[in-house]
PDB file of N, CA and C in Angstrom:
ATOM      1  N   MET A   1       0.909  -1.176   0.014  1.00  0.00           N
ATOM      2  CA  MET A   1       0.011  -0.040   0.003  1.00  0.00           C
ATOM      3  C   MET A   1       0.942   1.207   0.041  1.00  0.00           C
ATOM      4  N   LYS A   2       0.493   2.229  -0.600  1.00  0.00           N
ATOM      5  CA  LYS A   2       1.228   3.578  -0.761  1.00  0.00           C
ATOM      6  C   LYS A   2       0.263   4.603  -0.181  1.00  0.00           C
ATOM      7  N   ILE A   3       0.906   5.371   0.671  1.00  0.00           N
ATOM      8  CA  ILE A   3       0.195   6.632   1.382  1.00  0.00           C
ATOM      9  C   ILE A   3       0.976   7.908   1.012  1.00  0.00           C
ATOM     10  N   ALA A   4       0.245   8.927   0.633  1.00  0.00           N
ATOM     11  CA  ALA A   4       0.754  10.255   0.333  1.00  0.00           C
ATOM     12  C   ALA A   4       0.254  11.166   1.411  1.00  0.00           C
ATOM     13  N   VAL A   5       1.239  12.078   1.824  1.00  0.00           N
ATOM     14  CA  VAL A   5       0.822  13.095   2.774  1.00  0.00           C
ATOM     15  C   VAL A   5       1.209  14.501   2.129  1.00  0.00           C
ATOM     16  N   THR A   6       0.333  15.393   2.085  1.00  0.00           N
ATOM     17  CA  THR A   6       0.671  16.725   1.787  1.00  0.00           C
ATOM     18  C   THR A   6       1.841  17.196   2.662  1.00  0.00           C
ATOM     19  N   TYR A   7       2.911  17.710   2.155  1.00  0.00           N
ATOM     20  CA  TYR A   7       4.096  17.835   3.049  1.00  0.00           C
ATOM     21  C   TYR A   7       4.708  19.261   2.890  1.00  0.00           C
ATOM     22  N   GLU A   8       5.156  19.732   4.129  1.00  0.00           N
ATOM     23  CA  GLU A   8       5.930  20.980   4.067  1.00  0.00           C
ATOM     24  C   GLU A   8       6.732  20.939   5.392  1.00  0.00           C
ATOM     25  N   ASN A   9       7.974  21.013   5.442  1.00  0.00           N
ATOM     26  CA  ASN A   9       8.865  21.152   6.486  1.00  0.00           C
ATOM     27  C   ASN A   9       8.565  20.112   7.706  1.00  0.00           C
ATOM     28  N   GLY A  10       8.273  18.808   7.200  1.00  0.00           N
ATOM     29  CA  GLY A  10       8.114  17.740   8.186  1.00  0.00           C
ATOM     30  C   GLY A  10       6.625  17.551   8.564  1.00  0.00           C
ATOM     31  N   ASN A  11       5.757  18.478   8.278  1.00  0.00           N
ATOM     32  CA  ASN A  11       4.445  18.561   8.711  1.00  0.00           C
ATOM     33  C   ASN A  11       3.351  18.381   7.556  1.00  0.00           C
ATOM     34  N   VAL A  12       2.183  18.075   7.900  1.00  0.00           N
ATOM     35  CA  VAL A  12       1.040  17.881   7.045  1.00  0.00           C
ATOM     36  C   VAL A  12       0.652  19.324   6.476  1.00  0.00           C
ATOM     37  N   PHE A  13       0.935  19.557   5.303  1.00  0.00           N
ATOM     38  CA  PHE A  13       0.581  20.809   4.609  1.00  0.00           C
ATOM     39  C   PHE A  13      -0.943  21.051   4.524  1.00  0.00           C
ATOM     40  N   GLN A  14      -1.372  22.315   4.827  1.00  0.00           N
ATOM     41  CA  GLN A  14      -2.794  22.539   5.055  1.00  0.00           C
ATOM     42  C   GLN A  14      -3.618  22.737   3.897  1.00  0.00           C
ATOM     43  N   HIS A  15      -3.096  22.886   2.675  1.00  0.00           N
ATOM     44  CA  HIS A  15      -3.795  23.302   1.490  1.00  0.00           C
ATOM     45  C   HIS A  15      -3.603  22.305   0.356  1.00  0.00           C
ATOM     46  N   PHE A  16      -4.385  21.166   0.146  1.00  0.00           N
ATOM     47  CA  PHE A  16      -4.066  20.223  -0.824  1.00  0.00           C
ATOM     48  C   PHE A  16      -3.771  20.816  -2.128  1.00  0.00           C
ATOM     49  N   GLY A  17      -4.550  21.735  -2.689  1.00  0.00           N
ATOM     50  CA  GLY A  17      -4.368  22.260  -4.017  1.00  0.00           C
ATOM     51  C   GLY A  17      -3.195  23.056  -4.221  1.00  0.00           C
ATOM     52  N   HIS A  18      -2.462  23.467  -3.245  1.00  0.00           N
ATOM     53  CA  HIS A  18      -1.363  24.381  -3.257  1.00  0.00           C
ATOM     54  C   HIS A  18      -0.079  23.591  -2.789  1.00  0.00           C
ATOM     55  N   THR A  19      -0.213  22.296  -2.550  1.00  0.00           N
ATOM     56  CA  THR A  19       0.961  21.612  -2.011  1.00  0.00           C
ATOM     57  C   THR A  19       2.083  21.539  -3.096  1.00  0.00           C
ATOM     58  N   LYS A  20       3.383  21.799  -2.610  1.00  0.00           N
ATOM     59  CA  LYS A  20       4.427  21.733  -3.600  1.00  0.00           C
ATOM     60  C   LYS A  20       5.095  20.287  -3.412  1.00  0.00           C
ATOM     61  N   GLN A  21       4.848  19.688  -2.307  1.00  0.00           N
ATOM     62  CA  GLN A  21       5.525  18.256  -2.223  1.00  0.00           C
ATOM     63  C   GLN A  21       4.577  17.407  -1.473  1.00  0.00           C
ATOM     64  N   PHE A  22       4.784  16.094  -1.749  1.00  0.00           N
ATOM     65  CA  PHE A  22       4.076  15.099  -1.029  1.00  0.00           C
ATOM     66  C   PHE A  22       5.138  14.230  -0.501  1.00  0.00           C
ATOM     67  N   LYS A  23       4.907  13.691   0.788  1.00  0.00           N
ATOM     68  CA  LYS A  23       5.833  12.565   1.260  1.00  0.00           C
ATOM     69  C   LYS A  23       4.984  11.252   0.973  1.00  0.00           C
ATOM     70  N   LEU A  24       5.703  10.378   0.323  1.00  0.00           N
ATOM     71  CA  LEU A  24       5.136   9.089   0.024  1.00  0.00           C
ATOM     72  C   LEU A  24       5.751   8.096   0.947  1.00  0.00           C
ATOM     73  N   TYR A  25       4.817   7.045   1.406  1.00  0.00           N
ATOM     74  CA  TYR A  25       5.192   6.014   2.202  1.00  0.00           C
ATOM     75  C   TYR A  25       4.843   4.776   1.597  1.00  0.00           C
ATOM     76  N   GLU A  26       5.661   3.924   1.587  1.00  0.00           N
ATOM     77  CA  GLU A  26       5.369   2.408   0.999  1.00  0.00           C
ATOM     78  C   GLU A  26       5.160   1.647   2.320  1.00  0.00           C
ATOM     79  N   ILE A  27       4.055   0.956   2.418  1.00  0.00           N
ATOM     80  CA  ILE A  27       3.652   0.282   3.508  1.00  0.00           C
ATOM     81  C   ILE A  27       3.615  -1.314   3.316  1.00  0.00           C
ATOM     82  N   GLU A  28       4.248  -2.046   4.082  1.00  0.00           N
ATOM     83  CA  GLU A  28       4.169  -3.553   3.980  1.00  0.00           C
ATOM     84  C   GLU A  28       3.996  -4.085   5.401  1.00  0.00           C
ATOM     85  N   ASN A  29       3.151  -5.054   5.670  1.00  0.00           N
ATOM     86  CA  ASN A  29       2.777  -5.597   6.903  1.00  0.00           C
ATOM     87  C   ASN A  29       2.537  -4.576   7.980  1.00  0.00           C
ATOM     88  N   ASN A  30       1.886  -3.465   7.590  1.00  0.00           N
ATOM     89  CA  ASN A  30       1.472  -2.413   8.566  1.00  0.00           C
ATOM     90  C   ASN A  30       2.765  -1.702   9.050  1.00  0.00           C
ATOM     91  N   GLN A  31       3.818  -1.714   8.262  1.00  0.00           N
ATOM     92  CA  GLN A  31       5.021  -0.996   8.638  1.00  0.00           C
ATOM     93  C   GLN A  31       5.492  -0.174   7.536  1.00  0.00           C
ATOM     94  N   ILE A  32       6.190   1.102   7.946  1.00  0.00           N
ATOM     95  CA  ILE A  32       6.761   1.979   6.883  1.00  0.00           C
ATOM     96  C   ILE A  32       7.976   1.234   6.416  1.00  0.00           C
ATOM     97  N   LYS A  33       7.972   0.906   4.999  1.00  0.00           N
ATOM     98  CA  LYS A  33       9.154   0.167   4.486  1.00  0.00           C
ATOM     99  C   LYS A  33      10.008   1.153   3.640  1.00  0.00           C
ATOM    100  N   MET A  34       9.478   2.341   3.069  1.00  0.00           N
ATOM    101  CA  MET A  34      10.173   3.155   2.293  1.00  0.00           C
ATOM    102  C   MET A  34       9.407   4.618   2.358  1.00  0.00           C
ATOM    103  N   GLU A  35      10.152   5.532   2.297  1.00  0.00           N
ATOM    104  CA  GLU A  35       9.546   6.957   2.343  1.00  0.00           C
ATOM    105  C   GLU A  35      10.389   7.807   1.364  1.00  0.00           C
ATOM    106  N   GLN A  36       9.713   8.682   0.574  1.00  0.00           N
ATOM    107  CA  GLN A  36      10.400   9.604  -0.237  1.00  0.00           C
ATOM    108  C   GLN A  36       9.672  10.877  -0.335  1.00  0.00           C
ATOM    109  N   ILE A  37      10.214  11.877  -0.593  1.00  0.00           N
ATOM    110  CA  ILE A  37       9.546  13.226  -0.811  1.00  0.00           C
ATOM    111  C   ILE A  37       9.651  13.478  -2.424  1.00  0.00           C
ATOM    112  N   VAL A  38       8.338  13.907  -2.903  1.00  0.00           N
ATOM    113  CA  VAL A  38       8.293  14.101  -4.359  1.00  0.00           C
ATOM    114  C   VAL A  38       7.692  15.519  -4.609  1.00  0.00           C
ATOM    115  N   ASP A  39       8.247  16.174  -5.596  1.00  0.00           N
ATOM    116  CA  ASP A  39       7.771  17.500  -5.957  1.00  0.00           C
ATOM    117  C   ASP A  39       6.611  17.447  -6.895  1.00  0.00           C
ATOM    118  N   THR A  40       5.527  18.309  -6.750  1.00  0.00           N
ATOM    119  CA  THR A  40       4.444  18.213  -7.609  1.00  0.00           C
ATOM    120  C   THR A  40       4.675  19.062  -8.846  1.00  0.00           C
ATOM    121  N   ASN A  41       5.859  19.735  -8.974  1.00  0.00           N
ATOM    122  CA  ASN A  41       6.140  20.485 -10.103  1.00  0.00           C
ATOM    123  C   ASN A  41       5.147  21.467 -10.639  1.00  0.00           C
ATOM    124  N   GLY A  42       4.468  22.232  -9.540  1.00  0.00           N
ATOM    125  CA  GLY A  42       3.499  23.149  -9.946  1.00  0.00           C
ATOM    126  C   GLY A  42       2.186  22.680 -10.190  1.00  0.00           C
ATOM    127  N   GLN A  43       1.873  21.417 -10.363  1.00  0.00           N
ATOM    128  CA  GLN A  43       0.569  21.042 -10.574  1.00  0.00           C
ATOM    129  C   GLN A  43      -0.352  21.292  -9.454  1.00  0.00           C
ATOM    130  N   GLY A  44      -1.672  21.663  -9.707  1.00  0.00           N
ATOM    131  CA  GLY A  44      -2.488  21.946  -8.721  1.00  0.00           C
ATOM    132  C   GLY A  44      -3.883  21.292  -8.863  1.00  0.00           C
ATOM    133  N   HIS A  45      -4.644  21.399  -7.648  1.00  0.00           N
ATOM    134  CA  HIS A  45      -5.994  20.941  -7.613  1.00  0.00           C
ATOM    135  C   HIS A  45      -6.257  19.670  -8.303  1.00  0.00           C
ATOM    136  N   GLY A  46      -7.079  19.547  -9.463  1.00  0.00           N
ATOM    137  CA  GLY A  46      -7.412  18.443 -10.035  1.00  0.00           C
ATOM    138  C   GLY A  46      -6.342  17.595 -10.713  1.00  0.00           C
ATOM    139  N   ALA A  47      -5.219  18.246 -11.123  1.00  0.00           N
ATOM    140  CA  ALA A  47      -4.051  17.465 -11.712  1.00  0.00           C
ATOM    141  C   ALA A  47      -3.427  16.707 -10.567  1.00  0.00           C
ATOM    142  N   LEU A  48      -3.526  17.143  -9.396  1.00  0.00           N
ATOM    143  CA  LEU A  48      -2.779  16.422  -8.229  1.00  0.00           C
ATOM    144  C   LEU A  48      -3.388  14.972  -8.194  1.00  0.00           C
ATOM    145  N   ALA A  49      -4.614  14.800  -8.506  1.00  0.00           N
ATOM    146  CA  ALA A  49      -5.232  13.558  -8.468  1.00  0.00           C
ATOM    147  C   ALA A  49      -4.587  12.537  -9.396  1.00  0.00           C
ATOM    148  N   ASP A  50      -4.459  13.058 -10.620  1.00  0.00           N
ATOM    149  CA  ASP A  50      -3.779  12.076 -11.616  1.00  0.00           C
ATOM    150  C   ASP A  50      -2.246  11.898 -11.224  1.00  0.00           C
ATOM    151  N   PHE A  51      -1.673  12.992 -10.619  1.00  0.00           N
ATOM    152  CA  PHE A  51      -0.244  12.791 -10.147  1.00  0.00           C
ATOM    153  C   PHE A  51      -0.201  11.691  -9.070  1.00  0.00           C
ATOM    154  N   LEU A  52      -1.060  11.693  -8.117  1.00  0.00           N
ATOM    155  CA  LEU A  52      -1.100  10.680  -7.173  1.00  0.00           C
ATOM    156  C   LEU A  52      -1.462   9.292  -7.610  1.00  0.00           C
ATOM    157  N   LYS A  53      -2.280   9.263  -8.532  1.00  0.00           N
ATOM    158  CA  LYS A  53      -2.832   7.998  -9.138  1.00  0.00           C
ATOM    159  C   LYS A  53      -1.705   7.372  -9.981  1.00  0.00           C
ATOM    160  N   ASP A  54      -0.908   8.302 -10.652  1.00  0.00           N
ATOM    161  CA  ASP A  54       0.317   7.746 -11.464  1.00  0.00           C
ATOM    162  C   ASP A  54       1.333   7.187 -10.490  1.00  0.00           C
ATOM    163  N   LYS A  55       1.456   7.691  -9.313  1.00  0.00           N
ATOM    164  CA  LYS A  55       2.313   7.103  -8.188  1.00  0.00           C
ATOM    165  C   LYS A  55       1.859   5.952  -7.580  1.00  0.00           C
ATOM    166  N   LYS A  56       0.523   5.639  -7.732  1.00  0.00           N
ATOM    167  CA  LYS A  56      -0.093   4.274  -7.287  1.00  0.00           C
ATOM    168  C   LYS A  56      -0.405   4.558  -5.854  1.00  0.00           C
ATOM    169  N   VAL A  57      -0.815   5.683  -5.505  1.00  0.00           N
ATOM    170  CA  VAL A  57      -1.207   6.090  -4.119  1.00  0.00           C
ATOM    171  C   VAL A  57      -2.673   5.568  -3.971  1.00  0.00           C
ATOM    172  N   GLU A  58      -2.866   4.990  -2.619  1.00  0.00           N
ATOM    173  CA  GLU A  58      -4.198   4.588  -2.229  1.00  0.00           C
ATOM    174  C   GLU A  58      -4.757   5.252  -1.219  1.00  0.00           C
ATOM    175  N   ILE A  59      -4.056   5.919  -0.398  1.00  0.00           N
ATOM    176  CA  ILE A  59      -4.436   6.702   0.742  1.00  0.00           C
ATOM    177  C   ILE A  59      -3.770   8.186   0.676  1.00  0.00           C
ATOM    178  N   LEU A  60      -4.563   9.135   0.898  1.00  0.00           N
ATOM    179  CA  LEU A  60      -4.085  10.525   1.069  1.00  0.00           C
ATOM    180  C   LEU A  60      -4.442  11.101   2.438  1.00  0.00           C
ATOM    181  N   ILE A  61      -3.331  11.606   3.095  1.00  0.00           N
ATOM    182  CA  ILE A  61      -3.662  12.246   4.311  1.00  0.00           C
ATOM    183  C   ILE A  61      -3.317  13.692   4.087  1.00  0.00           C
ATOM    184  N   CYS A  62      -4.183  14.614   4.431  1.00  0.00           N
ATOM    185  CA  CYS A  62      -3.895  16.066   4.128  1.00  0.00           C
ATOM    186  C   CYS A  62      -4.588  16.927   5.188  1.00  0.00           C
ATOM    187  N   GLY A  63      -4.385  18.213   4.978  1.00  0.00           N
ATOM    188  CA  GLY A  63      -5.166  19.205   5.741  1.00  0.00           C
ATOM    189  C   GLY A  63      -6.470  19.440   5.107  1.00  0.00           C
ATOM    190  N   GLY A  64      -6.650  20.696   4.703  1.00  0.00           N
ATOM    191  CA  GLY A  64      -7.928  20.966   3.943  1.00  0.00           C
ATOM    192  C   GLY A  64      -7.912  20.718   2.490  1.00  0.00           C
ATOM    193  N   ILE A  65      -9.083  20.211   1.975  1.00  0.00           N
ATOM    194  CA  ILE A  65      -9.248  19.990   0.507  1.00  0.00           C
ATOM    195  C   ILE A  65     -10.611  20.451   0.008  1.00  0.00           C
ATOM    196  N   GLY A  66     -10.679  20.955  -1.091  1.00  0.00           N
ATOM    197  CA  GLY A  66     -11.885  21.315  -1.729  1.00  0.00           C
ATOM    198  C   GLY A  66     -12.663  20.173  -2.311  1.00  0.00           C
ATOM    199  N   GLY A  67     -13.925  20.567  -2.658  1.00  0.00           N
ATOM    200  CA  GLY A  67     -14.841  19.558  -3.164  1.00  0.00           C
ATOM    201  C   GLY A  67     -14.409  19.084  -4.598  1.00  0.00           C
ATOM    202  N   GLY A  68     -13.916  19.782  -5.464  1.00  0.00           N
ATOM    203  CA  GLY A  68     -13.406  19.389  -6.761  1.00  0.00           C
ATOM    204  C   GLY A  68     -12.255  18.306  -6.611  1.00  0.00           C
ATOM    205  N   ALA A  69     -11.332  18.721  -5.847  1.00  0.00           N
ATOM    206  CA  ALA A  69     -10.164  17.795  -5.469  1.00  0.00           C
ATOM    207  C   ALA A  69     -10.698  16.504  -4.853  1.00  0.00           C
ATOM    208  N   LYS A  70     -11.613  16.526  -3.896  1.00  0.00           N
ATOM    209  CA  LYS A  70     -12.180  15.410  -3.396  1.00  0.00           C
ATOM    210  C   LYS A  70     -12.787  14.438  -4.419  1.00  0.00           C
ATOM    211  N   SER A  71     -13.563  15.027  -5.357  1.00  0.00           N
ATOM    212  CA  SER A  71     -14.310  14.265  -6.271  1.00  0.00           C
ATOM    213  C   SER A  71     -13.183  13.649  -7.241  1.00  0.00           C
ATOM    214  N   ALA A  72     -12.182  14.333  -7.653  1.00  0.00           N
ATOM    215  CA  ALA A  72     -11.186  13.812  -8.634  1.00  0.00           C
ATOM    216  C   ALA A  72     -10.431  12.704  -7.963  1.00  0.00           C
ATOM    217  N   LEU A  73     -10.154  12.859  -6.591  1.00  0.00           N
ATOM    218  CA  LEU A  73      -9.367  11.793  -5.836  1.00  0.00           C
ATOM    219  C   LEU A  73     -10.379  10.537  -5.676  1.00  0.00           C
ATOM    220  N   ASN A  74     -11.564  10.887  -5.578  1.00  0.00           N
ATOM    221  CA  ASN A  74     -12.592   9.634  -5.466  1.00  0.00           C
ATOM    222  C   ASN A  74     -12.701   8.847  -6.609  1.00  0.00           C
ATOM    223  N   LEU A  75     -12.718   9.613  -7.847  1.00  0.00           N
ATOM    224  CA  LEU A  75     -12.726   9.050  -9.173  1.00  0.00           C
ATOM    225  C   LEU A  75     -11.460   8.101  -9.443  1.00  0.00           C
ATOM    226  N   ALA A  76     -10.335   8.729  -8.856  1.00  0.00           N
ATOM    227  CA  ALA A  76      -9.010   8.021  -9.001  1.00  0.00           C
ATOM    228  C   ALA A  76      -8.959   6.837  -8.045  1.00  0.00           C
ATOM    229  N   GLY A  77      -9.889   6.639  -7.181  1.00  0.00           N
ATOM    230  CA  GLY A  77      -9.786   5.525  -6.143  1.00  0.00           C
ATOM    231  C   GLY A  77      -8.823   5.759  -5.102  1.00  0.00           C
ATOM    232  N   ILE A  78      -8.564   6.921  -4.618  1.00  0.00           N
ATOM    233  CA  ILE A  78      -7.786   7.389  -3.579  1.00  0.00           C
ATOM    234  C   ILE A  78      -8.685   7.728  -2.369  1.00  0.00           C
ATOM    235  N   GLN A  79      -8.434   7.095  -1.325  1.00  0.00           N
ATOM    236  CA  GLN A  79      -9.112   7.241  -0.081  1.00  0.00           C
ATOM    237  C   GLN A  79      -8.572   8.515   0.634  1.00  0.00           C
ATOM    238  N   ILE A  80      -9.404   9.491   1.194  1.00  0.00           N
ATOM    239  CA  ILE A  80      -8.966  10.650   1.763  1.00  0.00           C
ATOM    240  C   ILE A  80      -9.269  10.776   3.214  1.00  0.00           C
ATOM    241  N   PHE A  81      -8.064  11.126   3.876  1.00  0.00           N
ATOM    242  CA  PHE A  81      -8.170  11.388   5.265  1.00  0.00           C
ATOM    243  C   PHE A  81      -7.740  12.891   5.513  1.00  0.00           C
ATOM    244  N   GLY A  82      -8.789  13.927   5.559  1.00  0.00           N
ATOM    245  CA  GLY A  82      -8.493  15.222   5.634  1.00  0.00           C
ATOM    246  C   GLY A  82      -8.650  15.799   6.976  1.00  0.00           C
ATOM    247  N   GLY A  83      -8.207  17.045   7.067  1.00  0.00           N
ATOM    248  CA  GLY A  83      -8.329  17.802   8.408  1.00  0.00           C
ATOM    249  C   GLY A  83      -7.376  17.382   9.366  1.00  0.00           C
ATOM    250  N   VAL A  84      -6.252  16.810   8.855  1.00  0.00           N
ATOM    251  CA  VAL A  84      -5.132  16.314   9.691  1.00  0.00           C
ATOM    252  C   VAL A  84      -4.045  17.518   9.704  1.00  0.00           C
ATOM    253  N   SER A  85      -3.531  17.547  10.895  1.00  0.00           N
ATOM    254  CA  SER A  85      -2.317  18.562  11.106  1.00  0.00           C
ATOM    255  C   SER A  85      -1.270  17.942  11.896  1.00  0.00           C
ATOM    256  N   GLY A  86      -0.221  18.583  11.953  1.00  0.00           N
ATOM    257  CA  GLY A  86       0.995  18.113  12.787  1.00  0.00           C
ATOM    258  C   GLY A  86       1.975  17.323  11.829  1.00  0.00           C
ATOM    259  N   ASN A  87       2.800  16.569  12.495  1.00  0.00           N
ATOM    260  CA  ASN A  87       3.944  15.847  11.946  1.00  0.00           C
ATOM    261  C   ASN A  87       3.453  14.852  10.958  1.00  0.00           C
ATOM    262  N   ALA A  88       3.970  14.878   9.798  1.00  0.00           N
ATOM    263  CA  ALA A  88       3.498  13.972   8.584  1.00  0.00           C
ATOM    264  C   ALA A  88       3.642  12.318   9.068  1.00  0.00           C
ATOM    265  N   GLU A  89       4.952  12.018   9.470  1.00  0.00           N
ATOM    266  CA  GLU A  89       5.245  10.702   9.837  1.00  0.00           C
ATOM    267  C   GLU A  89       4.409  10.301  11.118  1.00  0.00           C
ATOM    268  N   ASP A  90       4.148  11.119  11.981  1.00  0.00           N
ATOM    269  CA  ASP A  90       3.248  10.710  13.161  1.00  0.00           C
ATOM    270  C   ASP A  90       1.762  10.308  12.505  1.00  0.00           C
ATOM    271  N   ALA A  91       1.311  11.219  11.567  1.00  0.00           N
ATOM    272  CA  ALA A  91      -0.052  11.039  11.041  1.00  0.00           C
ATOM    273  C   ALA A  91       0.003   9.727  10.404  1.00  0.00           C
ATOM    274  N   VAL A  92       0.985   9.161   9.627  1.00  0.00           N
ATOM    275  CA  VAL A  92       1.024   7.905   8.983  1.00  0.00           C
ATOM    276  C   VAL A  92       1.074   6.802  10.158  1.00  0.00           C
ATOM    277  N   LYS A  93       1.864   6.980  11.105  1.00  0.00           N
ATOM    278  CA  LYS A  93       1.886   5.954  12.198  1.00  0.00           C
ATOM    279  C   LYS A  93       0.453   5.911  12.813  1.00  0.00           C
ATOM    280  N   ASN A  94      -0.141   7.037  13.123  1.00  0.00           N
ATOM    281  CA  ASN A  94      -1.421   7.053  13.763  1.00  0.00           C
ATOM    282  C   ASN A  94      -2.435   6.250  12.813  1.00  0.00           C
ATOM    283  N   TYR A  95      -2.321   6.433  11.549  1.00  0.00           N
ATOM    284  CA  TYR A  95      -3.341   5.968  10.570  1.00  0.00           C
ATOM    285  C   TYR A  95      -3.101   4.320  10.602  1.00  0.00           C
ATOM    286  N   LEU A  96      -1.820   3.937  10.545  1.00  0.00           N
ATOM    287  CA  LEU A  96      -1.490   2.482  10.619  1.00  0.00           C
ATOM    288  C   LEU A  96      -1.969   1.815  11.958  1.00  0.00           C
ATOM    289  N   ALA A  97      -2.148   2.704  13.104  1.00  0.00           N
ATOM    290  CA  ALA A  97      -2.462   2.140  14.384  1.00  0.00           C
ATOM    291  C   ALA A  97      -3.904   2.306  14.568  1.00  0.00           C
ATOM    292  N   GLY A  98      -4.529   2.817  13.466  1.00  0.00           N
ATOM    293  CA  GLY A  98      -6.081   2.972  13.644  1.00  0.00           C
ATOM    294  C   GLY A  98      -6.598   4.199  14.563  1.00  0.00           C
ATOM    295  N   LYS A  99      -5.551   5.213  14.779  1.00  0.00           N
ATOM    296  CA  LYS A  99      -5.816   6.245  15.718  1.00  0.00           C
ATOM    297  C   LYS A  99      -5.694   7.626  14.979  1.00  0.00           C
ATOM    298  N   LEU A 100      -5.779   7.692  13.788  1.00  0.00           N
ATOM    299  CA  LEU A 100      -5.601   8.986  13.124  1.00  0.00           C
ATOM    300  C   LEU A 100      -6.819   9.781  13.410  1.00  0.00           C
ATOM    301  N   ASN A 101      -6.564  11.120  13.776  1.00  0.00           N
ATOM    302  CA  ASN A 101      -7.611  12.026  14.076  1.00  0.00           C
ATOM    303  C   ASN A 101      -7.804  12.850  12.797  1.00  0.00           C
ATOM    304  N   PHE A 102      -8.857  12.645  12.130  1.00  0.00           N
ATOM    305  CA  PHE A 102      -9.205  13.305  10.900  1.00  0.00           C
ATOM    306  C   PHE A 102     -10.702  13.697  10.934  1.00  0.00           C
ATOM    307  N   ASP A 103     -11.029  14.536   9.828  1.00  0.00           N
ATOM    308  CA  ASP A 103     -12.366  15.075   9.721  1.00  0.00           C
ATOM    309  C   ASP A 103     -12.973  14.543   8.284  1.00  0.00           C
ATOM    310  N   PRO A 104     -13.870  13.489   8.453  1.00  0.00           N
ATOM    311  CA  PRO A 104     -14.392  13.133   7.192  1.00  0.00           C
ATOM    312  C   PRO A 104     -15.171  13.943   6.394  1.00  0.00           C
ATOM    313  N   ASP A 105     -15.520  15.160   6.957  1.00  0.00           N
ATOM    314  CA  ASP A 105     -16.300  16.139   6.338  1.00  0.00           C
ATOM    315  C   ASP A 105     -15.534  17.354   5.956  1.00  0.00           C
ATOM    316  N   VAL A 106     -14.133  17.278   6.099  1.00  0.00           N
ATOM    317  CA  VAL A 106     -13.328  18.407   5.687  1.00  0.00           C
ATOM    318  C   VAL A 106     -13.610  19.037   4.461  1.00  0.00           C
ATOM    319  N   HIS A 107     -13.659  20.325   4.406  1.00  0.00           N
ATOM    320  CA  HIS A 107     -13.774  21.130   3.089  1.00  0.00           C
ATOM    321  C   HIS A 107     -12.934  22.263   3.168  1.00  0.00           C
ATOM    322  N   CYS A 108     -12.677  22.819   2.005  1.00  0.00           N
ATOM    323  CA  CYS A 108     -11.909  24.137   1.802  1.00  0.00           C
ATOM    324  C   CYS A 108     -12.911  25.134   1.455  1.00  0.00           C
ATOM    325  N   ASN A 109     -13.305  26.135   2.217  1.00  0.00           N
ATOM    326  CA  ASN A 109     -14.237  27.173   1.991  1.00  0.00           C
ATOM    327  C   ASN A 109     -13.804  28.449   1.786  1.00  0.00           C
ATOM    328  N   HIS A 110     -12.453  28.549   1.426  1.00  0.00           N
ATOM    329  CA  HIS A 110     -11.796  29.963   1.375  1.00  0.00           C
ATOM    330  C   HIS A 110     -11.953  30.393  -0.122  1.00  0.00           C
ATOM    331  N   HIS A 111     -12.232  29.653  -1.091  1.00  0.00           N
ATOM    332  CA  HIS A 111     -12.220  30.012  -2.422  1.00  0.00           C
ATOM    333  C   HIS A 111     -13.244  31.262  -2.548  1.00  0.00           C
ATOM    334  N   GLY A 112     -12.791  32.148  -3.157  1.00  0.00           N
ATOM    335  CA  GLY A 112     -13.654  33.335  -3.482  1.00  0.00           C
ATOM    336  C   GLY A 112     -13.667  34.324  -2.241  1.00  0.00           C
ATOM    337  N   HIS A 113     -12.977  34.005  -1.184  1.00  0.00           N
ATOM    338  CA  HIS A 113     -13.005  34.993  -0.008  1.00  0.00           C
ATOM    339  C   HIS A 113     -11.597  35.448   0.305  1.00  0.00           C
ATOM    340  N   GLY A 114     -10.782  35.571  -0.691  1.00  0.00           N
ATOM    341  CA  GLY A 114      -9.567  36.382  -0.525  1.00  0.00           C
ATOM    342  C   GLY A 114      -8.343  35.391   0.091  1.00  0.00           C
ATOM    343  N   ASP A 115      -8.623  34.032   0.055  1.00  0.00           N
ATOM    344  CA  ASP A 115      -7.559  33.157   0.483  1.00  0.00           C
ATOM    345  C   ASP A 115      -7.013  33.434   1.986  1.00  0.00           C
ATOM    346  N   HIS A 116      -8.008  33.895   2.865  1.00  0.00           N
ATOM    347  CA  HIS A 116      -7.615  34.266   4.136  1.00  0.00           C
ATOM    348  C   HIS A 116      -7.978  33.334   5.198  1.00  0.00           C
ATOM    349  N   CYS A 117      -7.325  33.308   6.316  1.00  0.00           N
ATOM    350  CA  CYS A 117      -7.642  32.374   7.351  1.00  0.00           C
ATOM    351  C   CYS A 117      -8.423  33.111   8.551  1.00  0.00           C
ATOM    352  N   LYS A 118      -9.201  32.439   9.262  1.00  0.00           N
ATOM    353  CA  LYS A 118      -9.895  32.978  10.430  1.00  0.00           C
ATOM    354  C   LYS A 118      -9.375  32.404  11.647  1.00  0.00           C
ATOM    355  N   GLU A 119      -8.906  33.250  12.491  1.00  0.00           N
ATOM    356  CA  GLU A 119      -8.413  32.790  13.831  1.00  0.00           C
ATOM    357  C   GLU A 119      -7.245  31.891  13.755  1.00  0.00           C
ATOM    358  N   GLY A 120      -6.460  31.876  12.699  1.00  0.00           N
ATOM    359  CA  GLY A 120      -5.359  30.987  12.531  1.00  0.00           C
ATOM    360  C   GLY A 120      -5.569  29.584  12.318  1.00  0.00           C
ATOM    361  N   LYS A 121      -6.886  29.273  11.997  1.00  0.00           N
ATOM    362  CA  LYS A 121      -7.382  27.923  11.715  1.00  0.00           C
ATOM    363  C   LYS A 121      -7.520  27.779  10.230  1.00  0.00           C
ATOM    364  N   HIS A 122      -6.496  27.510   9.558  1.00  0.00           N
ATOM    365  CA  HIS A 122      -6.610  27.409   8.005  1.00  0.00           C
ATOM    366  C   HIS A 122      -6.598  25.897   7.615  1.00  0.00           C
ATOM    367  N   HIS A 123      -7.593  25.357   7.307  1.00  0.00           N
ATOM    368  CA  HIS A 123      -7.709  23.980   6.975  1.00  0.00           C
ATOM    369  C   HIS A 123      -7.896  23.725   5.458  1.00  0.00           C
ATOM    370  N   CYS A 124      -7.335  24.622   4.752  1.00  0.00           N
ATOM    371  CA  CYS A 124      -7.495  24.396   3.212  1.00  0.00           C
ATOM    372  C   CYS A 124      -6.116  24.349   2.664  1.00  0.00           C
TER     373      CYS A 124
END
């Protein structure tokens, strides 16, 4: 199984469509066997679903994510665990242990609102 995490400076990046890197984890027997950081090369939103599909990703762990990207990822057969923050590797380990704190209803609602955050809680 391959897990991708939106990635920036060791942490889960909080805006799927603007992520510049993913950290990919190859999982065998519920253990991390390989990890690598890959650049998105400026691809955004919907194109990122194809990028992850080409990398054979099955699980995405991310911060915020918009409806269009969620749809594209669902069509690509990639399961989404959004609304996650903190250390990327800890998030993967928590997922593997069945303890990942995520928001199944996460959405990105800043589009058209000046790309700003409220009270420091930016989940997009």
